[in-house]
Amino acid sequence: MKTGEDVLEKPTFWQLVFSQSKVNGAPYQGEHLEGSIWSWPEATFLQRRLRQMRLDQASDKSMTN
């Protein structure tokens, strides 16, 4: 079983996050980060499946009209 002293020695993940945040006076380099070009993935399984379902629904509606 851990004693109270063991818990106080090592900060939790969230204590580290908050202690390193800009509002707590830690240095922040976010404005100076290098930009990168990013684009959404294309032709994923879910996108293909959604497209197919929409085509199927459109063809079903045209058959009932």
C-alpha atoms as a PDB file:
ATOM      1  CA  MET A   1       0.000   0.000   0.000  1.00  0.00           C
ATOM      2  CA  LYS A   2       1.291   3.447  -0.873  1.00  0.00           C
ATOM      3  CA  THR A   3       1.841   5.932   1.862  1.00  0.00           C
ATOM      4  CA  GLY A   4       0.857   9.586   1.656  1.00  0.00           C
ATOM      5  CA  GLU A   5       4.518  10.487   1.055  1.00  0.00           C
ATOM      6  CA  ASP A   6       4.709   8.312  -2.088  1.00  0.00           C
ATOM      7  CA  VAL A   7       1.720  10.097  -3.598  1.00  0.00           C
ATOM      8  CA  LEU A   8       3.190  13.538  -2.926  1.00  0.00           C
ATOM      9  CA  GLU A   9       6.551  12.718  -4.520  1.00  0.00           C
ATOM     10  CA  LYS A  10       5.337  12.048  -8.055  1.00  0.00           C
ATOM     11  CA  PRO A  11       2.880  14.536  -9.626  1.00  0.00           C
ATOM     12  CA  THR A  12      -0.050  13.139 -11.573  1.00  0.00           C
ATOM     13  CA  PHE A  13      -0.347  13.558 -15.312  1.00  0.00           C
ATOM     14  CA  TRP A  14      -2.834  16.413 -14.921  1.00  0.00           C
ATOM     15  CA  GLN A  15      -0.698  18.160 -12.326  1.00  0.00           C
ATOM     16  CA  LEU A  16       2.139  18.124 -14.860  1.00  0.00           C
ATOM     17  CA  VAL A  17      -0.134  19.437 -17.622  1.00  0.00           C
ATOM     18  CA  PHE A  18      -1.397  22.319 -15.520  1.00  0.00           C
ATOM     19  CA  SER A  19       2.023  23.168 -14.103  1.00  0.00           C
ATOM     20  CA  GLN A  20       3.391  23.436 -17.651  1.00  0.00           C
ATOM     21  CA  SER A  21       0.544  25.559 -19.000  1.00  0.00           C
ATOM     22  CA  LYS A  22       0.945  29.106 -20.270  1.00  0.00           C
ATOM     23  CA  VAL A  23      -1.457  30.535 -17.678  1.00  0.00           C
ATOM     24  CA  ASN A  24       0.717  29.181 -14.878  1.00  0.00           C
ATOM     25  CA  GLY A  25       3.768  31.014 -16.198  1.00  0.00           C
ATOM     26  CA  ALA A  26       5.431  28.182 -18.076  1.00  0.00           C
ATOM     27  CA  PRO A  27       7.098  29.093 -21.380  1.00  0.00           C
ATOM     28  CA  TYR A  28       4.851  28.466 -24.386  1.00  0.00           C
ATOM     29  CA  GLN A  29       6.223  28.096 -27.895  1.00  0.00           C
ATOM     30  CA  GLY A  30       2.936  27.470 -29.721  1.00  0.00           C
ATOM     31  CA  GLU A  31       3.031  30.699 -31.693  1.00  0.00           C
ATOM     32  CA  HIS A  32       6.472  29.769 -32.999  1.00  0.00           C
ATOM     33  CA  LEU A  33       5.719  26.206 -34.101  1.00  0.00           C
ATOM     34  CA  GLU A  34       6.382  25.345 -37.704  1.00  0.00           C
ATOM     35  CA  GLY A  35       3.241  25.166 -39.784  1.00  0.00           C
ATOM     36  CA  SER A  36       2.342  22.062 -41.700  1.00  0.00           C
ATOM     37  CA  ILE A  37       0.025  21.344 -44.591  1.00  0.00           C
ATOM     38  CA  TRP A  38      -2.631  18.808 -43.746  1.00  0.00           C
ATOM     39  CA  SER A  39      -5.565  17.485 -45.688  1.00  0.00           C
ATOM     40  CA  TRP A  40      -8.453  15.244 -44.773  1.00  0.00           C
ATOM     41  CA  PRO A  41      -8.030  11.577 -45.679  1.00  0.00           C
ATOM     42  CA  GLU A  42      -9.796  10.642 -48.872  1.00  0.00           C
ATOM     43  CA  ALA A  43     -11.513   7.451 -50.018  1.00  0.00           C
ATOM     44  CA  THR A  44     -11.613   5.892 -46.571  1.00  0.00           C
ATOM     45  CA  PHE A  45     -13.857   2.911 -45.937  1.00  0.00           C
ATOM     46  CA  LEU A  46     -16.434   5.030 -44.115  1.00  0.00           C
ATOM     47  CA  GLN A  47     -16.536   7.648 -46.865  1.00  0.00           C
ATOM     48  CA  ARG A  48     -16.979   4.973 -49.538  1.00  0.00           C
ATOM     49  CA  ARG A  49     -19.673   3.256 -47.465  1.00  0.00           C
ATOM     50  CA  LEU A  50     -21.571   6.503 -46.915  1.00  0.00           C
ATOM     51  CA  ARG A  51     -21.407   7.331 -50.619  1.00  0.00           C
ATOM     52  CA  GLN A  52     -22.726   3.859 -51.477  1.00  0.00           C
ATOM     53  CA  MET A  53     -25.571   4.120 -48.965  1.00  0.00           C
ATOM     54  CA  ARG A  54     -26.584   7.506 -50.352  1.00  0.00           C
ATOM     55  CA  LEU A  55     -26.568   6.135 -53.897  1.00  0.00           C
ATOM     56  CA  ASP A  56     -28.656   3.164 -52.782  1.00  0.00           C
ATOM     57  CA  GLN A  57     -31.180   5.436 -51.044  1.00  0.00           C
ATOM     58  CA  ALA A  58     -31.403   7.686 -54.098  1.00  0.00           C
ATOM     59  CA  SER A  59     -32.043   4.726 -56.384  1.00  0.00           C
ATOM     60  CA  ASP A  60     -34.664   3.336 -53.973  1.00  0.00           C
ATOM     61  CA  LYS A  61     -36.510   6.676 -53.988  1.00  0.00           C
ATOM     62  CA  SER A  62     -36.421   6.920 -57.747  1.00  0.00           C
ATOM     63  CA  MET A  63     -37.914   3.440 -58.048  1.00  0.00           C
ATOM     64  CA  THR A  64     -40.828   4.263 -55.735  1.00  0.00           C
ATOM     65  CA  ASN A  65     -41.717   7.516 -57.541  1.00  0.00           C
END
